[in-house]
Amino acid sequence: MHPVFLKIGSFEIATYGVMTALGYLAASFYLLPRLKKVPLDKDTFWNLLFVVFVGALIGAKLLFIFVSWPELGITLQEKLTAIIQNFRYGFVFFGGMIVAVISLIAYMKYKKLPILKTSDFLIVGVPLGHALGRIGCFCAGCCYGKPTSMPWGVTFTDPQSLVPPSLLGVALHPTQLYECAGNLILFLLLHCLSQKPHKEGTILVTYILGYSLLRFIIEFFRADFRGNFFLGLSPSQCISLVAALIAFIIWLKSLRKNSHA
């Protein structure tokens, strides 16, 4: 694939970073014309996106360091060196989502915004941006899949990719593209739901359940180290189960609230 988007001398721009930036832009420009539905003023909207961006970067990197700690080196110095040298790679989406959500809730409370209504609005853009980000993963070779004999298996040959040397030239499950396709389907579903009258929190719950299911399944096809957290499940699979449970509880509370209204 193409882990390096542009190289001028020793200066490099990673394709992963370019696609991640395009993902944020795509989500932003999808949401921007729809601000009147919430309603949100543009300044608050951009502040919300800034909170999401910073929270997602910090959370995604911290969770990656947590789950990959044994693989980063033997000594503390080796681990810190590996983190710094590969800082532009190695992010776990769920870590970013958790910190971004906590930061968003704090900011929305500070601005006295309706949390469920605002979340329903913002969450539609997330799978669109995430889909483009996964193309960046595909180009970088991170989040790679297990060897496969399926005709759609992909082969990485670039030594700069994050696929280990032992798997270069081996057909692998394109797990990055699986997740990209799943996110695009989820985006279309949320977009259609947002065009119709719905109870507050419905779109948020649909996203959490949909992405949790998608991620839980795709994790079985991934080959990169993610650690075993509980009963042989990866940390992301465990988070998927917890997130789905929380979404289900929110949905039940919403039903009870409306039944007593």
Protein backbone atom coordinates (compact mmCIF):
# COMPACT_ATOMS: atom_id res chain seq x y z
CA MET A 1 0.00 0.00 0.00
CA HIS A 2 1.10 3.62 0.37
CA PRO A 3 1.93 4.53 3.99
CA VAL A 4 3.67 7.75 2.88
CA PHE A 5 1.44 10.27 1.07
CA LEU A 6 4.16 12.80 0.30
CA LYS A 7 7.92 12.86 0.82
CA ILE A 8 10.22 15.83 0.25
CA GLY A 9 13.75 15.05 1.36
CA SER A 10 13.48 13.79 4.94
CA PHE A 11 10.04 15.38 5.39
CA GLU A 12 7.15 12.93 5.16
CA ILE A 13 3.37 13.23 5.34
CA ALA A 14 1.71 9.97 6.35
CA THR A 15 -1.30 8.84 4.31
CA TYR A 16 -2.95 7.83 7.60
CA GLY A 17 -2.86 11.43 8.81
CA VAL A 18 -4.15 12.78 5.50
CA MET A 19 -7.13 10.40 5.47
CA THR A 20 -7.90 11.09 9.13
CA ALA A 21 -7.95 14.82 8.39
CA LEU A 22 -10.21 14.21 5.38
CA GLY A 23 -12.49 12.18 7.62
CA TYR A 24 -12.92 15.08 10.05
CA LEU A 25 -13.50 17.48 7.15
CA ALA A 26 -16.09 15.18 5.55
CA ALA A 27 -17.99 14.85 8.82
CA SER A 28 -17.79 18.61 9.43
CA PHE A 29 -19.05 19.58 5.97
CA TYR A 30 -21.85 17.02 6.20
CA LEU A 31 -23.07 18.48 9.51
CA LEU A 32 -22.48 22.18 8.79
CA PRO A 33 -25.51 22.73 6.48
CA ARG A 34 -27.75 20.99 9.04
CA LEU A 35 -27.01 23.23 12.05
CA LYS A 36 -30.50 24.76 12.01
CA LYS A 37 -32.00 21.40 12.96
CA VAL A 38 -30.45 21.45 16.45
CA PRO A 39 -30.10 24.52 16.49
CA LEU A 40 -26.43 25.38 17.02
CA ASP A 41 -24.51 28.52 16.17
CA LYS A 42 -21.35 28.05 14.11
CA ASP A 43 -18.97 29.03 16.92
CA THR A 44 -20.42 26.43 19.29
CA PHE A 45 -20.40 23.85 16.49
CA TRP A 46 -16.69 24.35 15.75
CA ASN A 47 -15.92 24.33 19.47
CA LEU A 48 -17.72 20.98 19.77
CA LEU A 49 -15.68 19.56 16.90
CA PHE A 50 -12.47 20.84 18.44
CA VAL A 51 -13.36 19.10 21.72
CA VAL A 52 -14.07 15.89 19.78
CA PHE A 53 -10.82 16.13 17.81
CA VAL A 54 -8.56 16.71 20.81
CA GLY A 55 -10.38 14.19 23.02
CA ALA A 56 -10.32 11.54 20.30
CA LEU A 57 -6.58 11.95 19.67
CA ILE A 58 -5.68 11.79 23.35
CA GLY A 59 -8.00 8.90 24.19
CA ALA A 60 -7.11 6.83 21.11
CA LYS A 61 -3.39 7.16 21.77
CA LEU A 62 -3.69 6.42 25.51
CA LEU A 63 -5.72 3.24 24.93
CA PHE A 64 -3.26 2.10 22.24
CA ILE A 65 -0.37 2.56 24.67
CA PHE A 66 -2.31 0.66 27.35
CA VAL A 67 -3.16 -2.38 25.21
CA SER A 68 0.21 -2.42 23.39
CA TRP A 69 2.44 -1.80 26.42
CA PRO A 70 3.99 -5.33 26.45
CA GLU A 71 4.87 -5.00 22.75
CA LEU A 72 6.50 -1.57 22.91
CA GLY A 73 9.82 -2.79 24.32
CA ILE A 74 11.47 -4.31 27.38
CA THR A 75 12.71 -1.28 29.28
CA LEU A 76 10.80 1.92 30.01
CA GLN A 77 13.21 3.82 27.80
CA GLU A 78 12.53 1.47 24.88
CA LYS A 79 8.79 1.84 25.38
CA LEU A 80 8.92 5.64 25.50
CA THR A 81 11.18 5.73 22.44
CA ALA A 82 8.76 3.50 20.50
CA ILE A 83 5.82 5.75 21.49
CA ILE A 84 7.62 8.90 20.33
CA GLN A 85 9.03 7.43 17.12
CA ASN A 86 5.66 5.99 16.03
CA PHE A 87 3.46 8.74 17.47
CA ARG A 88 1.65 9.36 14.18
CA TYR A 89 0.51 5.72 14.12
CA GLY A 90 -1.18 3.58 16.73
CA PHE A 91 -4.61 4.77 17.79
CA VAL A 92 -7.54 2.77 19.20
CA PHE A 93 -10.88 4.18 18.11
CA PHE A 94 -12.76 3.19 21.26
CA GLY A 95 -10.24 5.02 23.44
CA GLY A 96 -10.80 8.15 21.39
CA MET A 97 -14.55 7.73 21.53
CA ILE A 98 -14.63 7.34 25.32
CA VAL A 99 -12.52 10.45 26.01
CA ALA A 100 -14.31 12.44 23.30
CA VAL A 101 -17.73 11.54 24.74
CA ILE A 102 -16.71 12.49 28.28
CA SER A 103 -15.28 15.78 27.02
CA LEU A 104 -18.37 16.47 24.90
CA ILE A 105 -20.78 15.84 27.77
CA ALA A 106 -18.78 18.19 29.99
CA TYR A 107 -18.78 20.89 27.30
CA MET A 108 -22.49 20.46 26.50
CA LYS A 109 -23.37 20.77 30.19
CA TYR A 110 -21.20 23.88 30.41
CA LYS A 111 -23.01 25.40 27.41
CA LYS A 112 -26.38 24.05 28.67
CA LEU A 113 -27.04 22.20 25.43
CA PRO A 114 -29.58 19.33 25.24
CA ILE A 115 -27.27 16.33 25.47
CA LEU A 116 -29.33 13.68 23.65
CA LYS A 117 -30.55 16.00 20.89
CA THR A 118 -27.07 17.42 20.27
CA SER A 119 -25.53 13.93 20.37
CA ASP A 120 -28.09 12.64 17.85
CA PHE A 121 -27.05 15.45 15.53
CA LEU A 122 -23.29 15.04 15.86
CA ILE A 123 -23.13 11.24 15.82
CA VAL A 124 -24.38 10.97 12.22
CA GLY A 125 -21.08 12.38 10.95
CA VAL A 126 -18.91 10.00 12.99
CA PRO A 127 -19.15 6.85 10.82
CA LEU A 128 -18.57 8.94 7.68
CA GLY A 129 -15.33 10.34 9.07
CA HIS A 130 -14.39 6.97 10.54
CA ALA A 131 -14.80 5.26 7.15
CA LEU A 132 -12.24 7.59 5.58
CA GLY A 133 -9.94 7.11 8.55
CA ARG A 134 -10.01 3.35 7.99
CA ILE A 135 -8.80 3.88 4.43
CA GLY A 136 -5.83 5.60 6.06
CA CYS A 137 -5.32 2.47 8.17
CA PHE A 138 -5.42 0.38 5.00
CA CYS A 139 -2.76 2.54 3.34
CA ALA A 140 -0.55 2.41 6.44
CA GLY A 141 -1.00 -1.33 6.94
CA CYS A 142 -2.15 -1.00 10.54
CA CYS A 143 -5.15 -2.93 11.93
CA TYR A 144 -4.27 -5.69 9.45
CA GLY A 145 -6.17 -8.95 9.17
CA LYS A 146 -5.36 -12.62 9.47
CA PRO A 147 -4.06 -14.66 6.51
CA THR A 148 -6.85 -15.78 4.20
CA SER A 149 -7.38 -17.80 1.05
CA MET A 150 -10.43 -15.72 0.08
CA PRO A 151 -10.19 -14.11 -3.39
CA TRP A 152 -10.48 -10.63 -1.88
CA GLY A 153 -7.43 -11.10 0.34
CA VAL A 154 -4.92 -8.24 0.05
CA THR A 155 -1.13 -8.45 0.00
CA PHE A 156 1.10 -5.82 1.59
CA THR A 157 4.60 -5.51 0.18
CA ASP A 158 5.84 -2.07 1.26
CA PRO A 159 8.43 -2.54 4.04
CA GLN A 160 7.36 0.83 5.48
CA SER A 161 3.87 -0.49 6.19
CA LEU A 162 2.97 -1.56 9.72
CA VAL A 163 2.39 -5.15 8.65
CA PRO A 164 5.16 -7.29 10.22
CA PRO A 165 7.83 -8.64 7.85
CA SER A 166 6.56 -12.20 8.34
CA LEU A 167 3.22 -11.25 6.75
CA LEU A 168 4.53 -9.16 3.85
CA GLY A 169 3.52 -10.86 0.61
CA VAL A 170 0.83 -12.91 2.39
CA ALA A 171 -2.84 -12.50 1.46
CA LEU A 172 -4.66 -11.01 4.47
CA HIS A 173 -8.24 -10.18 5.34
CA PRO A 174 -8.72 -6.48 4.45
CA THR A 175 -10.20 -5.77 7.88
CA GLN A 176 -9.69 -2.03 7.40
CA LEU A 177 -11.93 -2.12 4.33
CA TYR A 178 -14.48 -4.32 6.11
CA GLU A 179 -14.80 -1.65 8.76
CA CYS A 180 -14.83 1.13 6.17
CA ALA A 181 -17.76 -0.52 4.38
CA GLY A 182 -19.57 -1.18 7.66
CA ASN A 183 -19.18 2.45 8.71
CA LEU A 184 -20.53 3.71 5.39
CA ILE A 185 -23.60 1.49 5.76
CA LEU A 186 -24.04 2.75 9.32
CA PHE A 187 -23.71 6.35 8.12
CA LEU A 188 -26.44 5.85 5.51
CA LEU A 189 -28.70 4.27 8.13
CA LEU A 190 -28.19 7.15 10.57
CA HIS A 191 -28.67 9.71 7.80
CA CYS A 192 -32.02 8.16 6.87
CA LEU A 193 -33.12 8.07 10.53
CA SER A 194 -32.15 11.71 10.99
CA GLN A 195 -34.46 12.75 8.14
CA LYS A 196 -37.52 11.43 9.94
CA PRO A 197 -39.14 12.38 13.27
CA HIS A 198 -37.50 10.37 16.06
CA LYS A 199 -37.25 10.25 19.83
CA GLU A 200 -34.23 11.95 21.33
CA GLY A 201 -31.37 9.50 21.76
CA THR A 202 -32.58 7.11 19.04
CA ILE A 203 -29.77 7.92 16.60
CA LEU A 204 -27.14 7.84 19.34
CA VAL A 205 -28.29 4.43 20.54
CA THR A 206 -28.49 3.09 16.98
CA TYR A 207 -24.90 4.17 16.31
CA ILE A 208 -23.53 2.65 19.52
CA LEU A 209 -25.32 -0.67 18.94
CA GLY A 210 -24.42 -0.74 15.24
CA TYR A 211 -20.75 0.08 15.64
CA SER A 212 -20.34 -2.17 18.68
CA LEU A 213 -21.68 -5.12 16.67
CA LEU A 214 -19.51 -4.24 13.67
CA ARG A 215 -16.34 -3.90 15.73
CA PHE A 216 -17.02 -7.04 17.80
CA ILE A 217 -17.27 -9.16 14.62
CA ILE A 218 -14.32 -7.61 12.77
CA GLU A 219 -12.00 -8.15 15.75
CA PHE A 220 -12.15 -11.91 15.07
CA PHE A 221 -10.52 -11.34 11.67
CA ARG A 222 -7.71 -9.05 12.85
CA ALA A 223 -4.16 -10.29 13.36
CA ASP A 224 -2.44 -7.28 14.92
CA PHE A 225 -1.69 -7.50 18.64
CA ARG A 226 -4.51 -6.05 20.76
CA GLY A 227 -4.11 -8.09 23.93
CA ASN A 228 -6.46 -10.60 25.56
CA PHE A 229 -8.61 -8.88 28.11
CA PHE A 230 -11.35 -11.30 29.21
CA LEU A 231 -12.26 -14.85 28.11
CA GLY A 232 -10.01 -14.51 25.07
CA LEU A 233 -11.75 -11.33 23.90
CA SER A 234 -9.80 -8.24 22.90
CA PRO A 235 -10.16 -4.96 24.82
CA SER A 236 -12.21 -3.52 21.94
CA GLN A 237 -14.59 -6.49 22.03
CA CYS A 238 -15.09 -6.04 25.77
CA ILE A 239 -15.71 -2.32 25.27
CA SER A 240 -18.16 -3.18 22.49
CA LEU A 241 -20.17 -5.35 24.87
CA VAL A 242 -20.18 -2.69 27.60
CA ALA A 243 -21.10 0.06 25.10
CA ALA A 244 -23.95 -2.03 23.70
CA LEU A 245 -25.24 -2.68 27.23
CA ILE A 246 -25.13 1.04 28.05
CA ALA A 247 -26.97 1.85 24.80
CA PHE A 248 -29.59 -0.76 25.61
CA ILE A 249 -30.12 0.76 29.08
CA ILE A 250 -30.46 4.25 27.55
CA TRP A 251 -33.04 2.84 25.12
CA LEU A 252 -35.03 1.18 27.93
CA LYS A 253 -35.03 4.39 29.98
CA SER A 254 -36.22 6.31 26.93
CA LEU A 255 -39.10 3.87 26.46
CA ARG A 256 -40.12 4.16 30.12
CA LYS A 257 -39.89 7.94 30.01
CA ASN A 258 -42.14 8.11 26.97
CA SER A 259 -44.61 5.61 28.40
CA HIS A 260 -45.09 7.78 31.49
CA ALA A 261 -45.24 11.02 29.51
